[in-house]
Amino acid sequence: MGKAMATGFVLLVLVAGVSGCADPAMTAPVMSAQQECERSGGIWRTGFCERSSGGGGY
């Protein structure tokens, strides 16, 4: 059983390397400034993010 598992693991690593899944230079996608603004609740204006003030009103 141990030899079968080792063979399966080696094949898995080999397939991942060939398909590009194991590429060490691969990084997570980077959000654009507009996406980050909208994700955080702001409104994207041309070139800047507009966020509402807290509006406490005291």
C-alpha atoms as a PDB file:
ATOM      1  CA  MET A   1       0.000   0.000   0.000  1.00  0.00           C
ATOM      2  CA  GLY A   2       2.858   2.413   0.802  1.00  0.00           C
ATOM      3  CA  LYS A   3       4.411   2.021  -2.638  1.00  0.00           C
ATOM      4  CA  ALA A   4       1.057   2.716  -4.327  1.00  0.00           C
ATOM      5  CA  MET A   5       0.576   5.898  -2.280  1.00  0.00           C
ATOM      6  CA  ALA A   6       4.106   7.094  -3.032  1.00  0.00           C
ATOM      7  CA  THR A   7       3.590   6.441  -6.739  1.00  0.00           C
ATOM      8  CA  GLY A   8       0.263   8.293  -6.654  1.00  0.00           C
ATOM      9  CA  PHE A   9       1.840  11.256  -4.888  1.00  0.00           C
ATOM     10  CA  VAL A  10       4.699  11.445  -7.404  1.00  0.00           C
ATOM     11  CA  LEU A  11       2.215  11.325 -10.278  1.00  0.00           C
ATOM     12  CA  LEU A  12       0.110  14.057  -8.661  1.00  0.00           C
ATOM     13  CA  VAL A  13       3.126  16.332  -8.247  1.00  0.00           C
ATOM     14  CA  LEU A  14       4.236  15.616 -11.814  1.00  0.00           C
ATOM     15  CA  VAL A  15       0.788  16.417 -13.246  1.00  0.00           C
ATOM     16  CA  ALA A  16       0.547  19.608 -11.170  1.00  0.00           C
ATOM     17  CA  GLY A  17       3.956  20.748 -12.413  1.00  0.00           C
ATOM     18  CA  VAL A  18       3.108  20.044 -16.045  1.00  0.00           C
ATOM     19  CA  SER A  19      -0.258  21.809 -15.836  1.00  0.00           C
ATOM     20  CA  GLY A  20       1.272  24.919 -14.269  1.00  0.00           C
ATOM     21  CA  CYS A  21      -0.470  24.569 -10.914  1.00  0.00           C
ATOM     22  CA  ALA A  22       2.836  24.314  -9.089  1.00  0.00           C
ATOM     23  CA  ASP A  23       4.407  27.414 -10.664  1.00  0.00           C
ATOM     24  CA  PRO A  24       6.274  29.195  -7.849  1.00  0.00           C
ATOM     25  CA  ALA A  25       6.188  32.521  -9.720  1.00  0.00           C
ATOM     26  CA  MET A  26       2.389  32.454  -9.766  1.00  0.00           C
ATOM     27  CA  THR A  27       0.856  35.098  -7.501  1.00  0.00           C
ATOM     28  CA  ALA A  28      -2.635  35.912  -6.357  1.00  0.00           C
ATOM     29  CA  PRO A  29      -4.601  38.319  -8.533  1.00  0.00           C
ATOM     30  CA  VAL A  30      -4.219  41.952  -7.555  1.00  0.00           C
ATOM     31  CA  MET A  31      -7.319  44.091  -7.195  1.00  0.00           C
ATOM     32  CA  SER A  32      -7.404  47.374  -9.041  1.00  0.00           C
ATOM     33  CA  ALA A  33      -7.917  50.576  -7.085  1.00  0.00           C
ATOM     34  CA  GLN A  34     -11.465  50.767  -8.444  1.00  0.00           C
ATOM     35  CA  GLN A  35     -12.289  47.218  -7.343  1.00  0.00           C
ATOM     36  CA  GLU A  36     -10.836  47.826  -3.877  1.00  0.00           C
ATOM     37  CA  CYS A  37     -12.812  51.079  -3.565  1.00  0.00           C
ATOM     38  CA  GLU A  38     -16.095  49.443  -4.532  1.00  0.00           C
ATOM     39  CA  ARG A  39     -15.417  46.412  -2.324  1.00  0.00           C
ATOM     40  CA  SER A  40     -14.928  48.655   0.692  1.00  0.00           C
ATOM     41  CA  GLY A  41     -18.186  50.531   0.073  1.00  0.00           C
ATOM     42  CA  GLY A  42     -16.839  53.594  -1.719  1.00  0.00           C
ATOM     43  CA  ILE A  43     -17.945  55.103  -5.015  1.00  0.00           C
ATOM     44  CA  TRP A  44     -15.331  55.213  -7.765  1.00  0.00           C
ATOM     45  CA  ARG A  45     -14.974  58.590  -9.431  1.00  0.00           C
ATOM     46  CA  THR A  46     -12.561  59.235 -12.285  1.00  0.00           C
ATOM     47  CA  GLY A  47      -9.181  58.633 -10.674  1.00  0.00           C
ATOM     48  CA  PHE A  48     -10.191  58.558  -6.986  1.00  0.00           C
ATOM     49  CA  CYS A  49     -12.377  56.792  -4.463  1.00  0.00           C
ATOM     50  CA  GLU A  50     -15.129  58.748  -2.742  1.00  0.00           C
ATOM     51  CA  ARG A  51     -16.120  57.444   0.659  1.00  0.00           C
ATOM     52  CA  SER A  52     -18.940  58.892   2.683  1.00  0.00           C
ATOM     53  CA  SER A  53     -18.092  60.473   5.983  1.00  0.00           C
ATOM     54  CA  GLY A  54     -19.547  58.843   9.069  1.00  0.00           C
ATOM     55  CA  GLY A  55     -22.257  61.498   9.322  1.00  0.00           C
ATOM     56  CA  GLY A  56     -22.532  61.482  13.123  1.00  0.00           C
ATOM     57  CA  GLY A  57     -24.405  64.807  13.164  1.00  0.00           C
ATOM     58  CA  TYR A  58     -23.965  65.695  16.850  1.00  0.00           C
END
